[in-house]
Amino acid sequence: VQLQASGGGLVQVGNSLRLSCAASGLTFSKYNMGWFRRGPGKEREFVAGLGVNGRAHYAADLENRYTISRDNAENTLYLQMNSLNPEDTAVYYCAASGYIQYEPRASDTYDYWGQGTQVTVSS
């Protein structure tokens, strides 16, 4: 199984980015998918999750700026990030969970992780 995250980069405050996560080696449509991030000197934290049933979950402070989506035909997960600020600077990771009782915020319930993509927001 491979999860390949991409789309990160250096952006100015207020700009947007769309991250992608290309999945291979698994039946993508049968997996719940999530995004996590680890900022400088911080613990890894939940960003957003999207269940196989189409229900989206967000960290409370990100819901108004971030949108998670998936294209099962393309085996790809997305994260649209708007109005970026320096606190969004982090390595962003995608992950896949095969748990029937999906717990999007529980990182230990994810079976597979991508390598991460760096997002840096400059003021």
C-alpha atoms as a PDB file:
ATOM      1  CA  VAL A   1       0.000   0.000   0.000  1.00  0.00           C
ATOM      2  CA  GLN A   2       1.225   3.476  -0.849  1.00  0.00           C
ATOM      3  CA  LEU A   3      -0.212   6.833   0.043  1.00  0.00           C
ATOM      4  CA  GLN A   4       1.568   9.627  -1.796  1.00  0.00           C
ATOM      5  CA  ALA A   5       0.818  13.109  -0.487  1.00  0.00           C
ATOM      6  CA  SER A   6       1.595  16.116  -2.643  1.00  0.00           C
ATOM      7  CA  GLY A   7       0.654  19.725  -3.208  1.00  0.00           C
ATOM      8  CA  GLY A   8       2.461  21.339  -0.315  1.00  0.00           C
ATOM      9  CA  GLY A   9       4.692  24.353  -0.671  1.00  0.00           C
ATOM     10  CA  LEU A  10       5.479  27.886   0.451  1.00  0.00           C
ATOM     11  CA  VAL A  11       2.547  30.298   0.341  1.00  0.00           C
ATOM     12  CA  GLN A  12       1.739  33.758   1.613  1.00  0.00           C
ATOM     13  CA  VAL A  13      -0.742  34.449   4.372  1.00  0.00           C
ATOM     14  CA  GLY A  14      -4.310  34.403   3.091  1.00  0.00           C
ATOM     15  CA  ASN A  15      -3.603  32.185   0.127  1.00  0.00           C
ATOM     16  CA  SER A  16      -4.920  28.696  -0.575  1.00  0.00           C
ATOM     17  CA  LEU A  17      -3.487  25.280  -1.280  1.00  0.00           C
ATOM     18  CA  ARG A  18      -4.960  21.961  -2.302  1.00  0.00           C
ATOM     19  CA  LEU A  19      -3.239  18.849  -1.086  1.00  0.00           C
ATOM     20  CA  SER A  20      -3.639  15.511  -2.829  1.00  0.00           C
ATOM     21  CA  CYS A  21      -3.081  11.985  -1.618  1.00  0.00           C
ATOM     22  CA  ALA A  22      -2.804   9.319  -4.291  1.00  0.00           C
ATOM     23  CA  ALA A  23      -3.521   5.828  -3.001  1.00  0.00           C
ATOM     24  CA  SER A  24      -2.429   2.532  -4.486  1.00  0.00           C
ATOM     25  CA  GLY A  25      -2.383  -1.082  -3.388  1.00  0.00           C
ATOM     26  CA  LEU A  26      -5.721  -0.931  -1.591  1.00  0.00           C
ATOM     27  CA  THR A  27      -9.391  -0.769  -2.489  1.00  0.00           C
ATOM     28  CA  PHE A  28      -9.594   2.958  -1.925  1.00  0.00           C
ATOM     29  CA  SER A  29     -13.373   3.215  -1.842  1.00  0.00           C
ATOM     30  CA  LYS A  30     -13.510   0.821   1.123  1.00  0.00           C
ATOM     31  CA  TYR A  31     -11.226   2.921   3.332  1.00  0.00           C
ATOM     32  CA  ASN A  32     -11.988   5.850   5.532  1.00  0.00           C
ATOM     33  CA  MET A  33      -9.416   8.555   4.892  1.00  0.00           C
ATOM     34  CA  GLY A  34      -7.934  11.265   7.025  1.00  0.00           C
ATOM     35  CA  TRP A  35      -5.500  14.168   7.124  1.00  0.00           C
ATOM     36  CA  PHE A  36      -3.252  14.899  10.073  1.00  0.00           C
ATOM     37  CA  ARG A  37      -0.520  17.460  10.536  1.00  0.00           C
ATOM     38  CA  ARG A  38       2.529  18.055  12.706  1.00  0.00           C
ATOM     39  CA  GLY A  39       3.642  21.631  13.164  1.00  0.00           C
ATOM     40  CA  PRO A  40       7.148  22.677  14.300  1.00  0.00           C
ATOM     41  CA  GLY A  41       7.630  21.556  17.888  1.00  0.00           C
ATOM     42  CA  LYS A  42       4.083  20.242  18.102  1.00  0.00           C
ATOM     43  CA  GLU A  43       2.377  16.898  18.401  1.00  0.00           C
ATOM     44  CA  ARG A  44       0.650  15.375  15.430  1.00  0.00           C
ATOM     45  CA  GLU A  45      -2.957  16.520  15.303  1.00  0.00           C
ATOM     46  CA  PHE A  46      -6.118  15.577  13.487  1.00  0.00           C
ATOM     47  CA  VAL A  47      -7.138  17.841  10.633  1.00  0.00           C
ATOM     48  CA  ALA A  48     -10.010  16.181   8.775  1.00  0.00           C
ATOM     49  CA  GLY A  49     -11.481  12.785   8.003  1.00  0.00           C
ATOM     50  CA  LEU A  50     -13.833  11.421   5.377  1.00  0.00           C
ATOM     51  CA  GLY A  51     -15.655   8.167   5.857  1.00  0.00           C
ATOM     52  CA  VAL A  52     -16.667   5.681   3.224  1.00  0.00           C
ATOM     53  CA  ASN A  53     -20.217   6.850   3.861  1.00  0.00           C
ATOM     54  CA  GLY A  54     -19.241  10.335   2.716  1.00  0.00           C
ATOM     55  CA  ARG A  55     -19.453  11.926   6.143  1.00  0.00           C
ATOM     56  CA  ALA A  56     -16.751  14.520   6.772  1.00  0.00           C
ATOM     57  CA  HIS A  57     -15.196  15.347  10.121  1.00  0.00           C
ATOM     58  CA  TYR A  58     -13.037  18.352  10.938  1.00  0.00           C
ATOM     59  CA  ALA A  59     -10.937  19.745  13.720  1.00  0.00           C
ATOM     60  CA  ALA A  60     -13.145  22.383  15.278  1.00  0.00           C
ATOM     61  CA  ASP A  61     -10.873  25.306  14.490  1.00  0.00           C
ATOM     62  CA  LEU A  62     -10.359  24.305  10.845  1.00  0.00           C
ATOM     63  CA  GLU A  63     -13.850  23.500   9.679  1.00  0.00           C
ATOM     64  CA  ASN A  64     -14.515  26.938   8.230  1.00  0.00           C
ATOM     65  CA  ARG A  65     -11.351  26.998   6.119  1.00  0.00           C
ATOM     66  CA  TYR A  66     -10.614  23.407   5.159  1.00  0.00           C
ATOM     67  CA  THR A  67     -12.554  20.991   2.956  1.00  0.00           C
ATOM     68  CA  ILE A  68     -11.822  17.308   2.611  1.00  0.00           C
ATOM     69  CA  SER A  69     -12.979  15.371  -0.428  1.00  0.00           C
ATOM     70  CA  ARG A  70     -12.213  12.211  -2.329  1.00  0.00           C
ATOM     71  CA  ASP A  71     -12.406  10.863  -5.851  1.00  0.00           C
ATOM     72  CA  ASN A  72     -12.861   7.120  -5.650  1.00  0.00           C
ATOM     73  CA  ALA A  73     -12.499   6.741  -9.400  1.00  0.00           C
ATOM     74  CA  GLU A  74      -9.043   8.333  -9.192  1.00  0.00           C
ATOM     75  CA  ASN A  75      -8.093   6.769  -5.824  1.00  0.00           C
ATOM     76  CA  THR A  76      -7.280  10.233  -4.549  1.00  0.00           C
ATOM     77  CA  LEU A  77      -7.982  12.178  -1.386  1.00  0.00           C
ATOM     78  CA  TYR A  78      -7.919  15.975  -1.316  1.00  0.00           C
ATOM     79  CA  LEU A  79      -7.657  18.727   1.244  1.00  0.00           C
ATOM     80  CA  GLN A  80      -8.576  22.234   0.175  1.00  0.00           C
ATOM     81  CA  MET A  81      -7.066  24.777   2.549  1.00  0.00           C
ATOM     82  CA  ASN A  82      -8.138  28.417   2.371  1.00  0.00           C
ATOM     83  CA  SER A  83      -7.155  31.596   4.193  1.00  0.00           C
ATOM     84  CA  LEU A  84      -3.901  30.068   5.303  1.00  0.00           C
ATOM     85  CA  ASN A  85      -2.031  31.564   8.232  1.00  0.00           C
ATOM     86  CA  PRO A  86       1.365  30.826   9.818  1.00  0.00           C
ATOM     87  CA  GLU A  87      -0.251  28.467  12.345  1.00  0.00           C
ATOM     88  CA  ASP A  88      -1.090  26.169   9.429  1.00  0.00           C
ATOM     89  CA  THR A  89       2.611  25.573   8.815  1.00  0.00           C
ATOM     90  CA  ALA A  90       3.156  21.852   9.235  1.00  0.00           C
ATOM     91  CA  VAL A  91       3.866  18.583   7.554  1.00  0.00           C
ATOM     92  CA  TYR A  92       0.547  17.193   6.391  1.00  0.00           C
ATOM     93  CA  TYR A  93      -0.035  13.459   6.328  1.00  0.00           C
ATOM     94  CA  CYS A  94      -2.778  11.420   4.753  1.00  0.00           C
ATOM     95  CA  ALA A  95      -3.869   8.132   6.255  1.00  0.00           C
ATOM     96  CA  ALA A  96      -6.234   5.258   5.543  1.00  0.00           C
ATOM     97  CA  SER A  97      -8.399   3.445   8.059  1.00  0.00           C
ATOM     98  CA  GLY A  98     -10.144   0.155   7.451  1.00  0.00           C
ATOM     99  CA  TYR A  99     -11.918   0.199  10.805  1.00  0.00           C
ATOM    100  CA  ILE A 100     -15.627  -0.482  10.548  1.00  0.00           C
ATOM    101  CA  GLN A 101     -16.301   1.803  13.503  1.00  0.00           C
ATOM    102  CA  TYR A 102     -14.415   4.752  12.064  1.00  0.00           C
ATOM    103  CA  GLU A 103     -12.920   7.063  14.647  1.00  0.00           C
ATOM    104  CA  PRO A 104     -11.491   9.858  12.497  1.00  0.00           C
ATOM    105  CA  ARG A 105      -9.575  11.601  15.290  1.00  0.00           C
ATOM    106  CA  ALA A 106      -7.930   8.441  16.620  1.00  0.00           C
ATOM    107  CA  SER A 107      -4.627   8.210  14.808  1.00  0.00           C
ATOM    108  CA  ASP A 108      -3.973   4.691  16.114  1.00  0.00           C
ATOM    109  CA  THR A 109      -6.958   3.414  14.131  1.00  0.00           C
ATOM    110  CA  TYR A 110      -5.366   4.244  10.796  1.00  0.00           C
ATOM    111  CA  ASP A 111      -3.704   1.345   9.021  1.00  0.00           C
ATOM    112  CA  TYR A 112      -1.593   3.181   6.472  1.00  0.00           C
ATOM    113  CA  TRP A 113       0.176   6.543   6.371  1.00  0.00           C
ATOM    114  CA  GLY A 114       1.678   8.647   3.641  1.00  0.00           C
ATOM    115  CA  GLN A 115       5.080  10.271   3.828  1.00  0.00           C
ATOM    116  CA  GLY A 116       3.828  13.804   4.361  1.00  0.00           C
ATOM    117  CA  THR A 117       3.982  17.044   2.420  1.00  0.00           C
ATOM    118  CA  GLN A 118       5.340  20.288   3.846  1.00  0.00           C
ATOM    119  CA  VAL A 119       3.141  23.366   3.981  1.00  0.00           C
ATOM    120  CA  THR A 120       4.807  26.620   4.961  1.00  0.00           C
ATOM    121  CA  VAL A 121       2.802  29.800   5.327  1.00  0.00           C
ATOM    122  CA  SER A 122       4.860  32.963   5.276  1.00  0.00           C
ATOM    123  CA  SER A 123       3.791  36.308   6.630  1.00  0.00           C
END
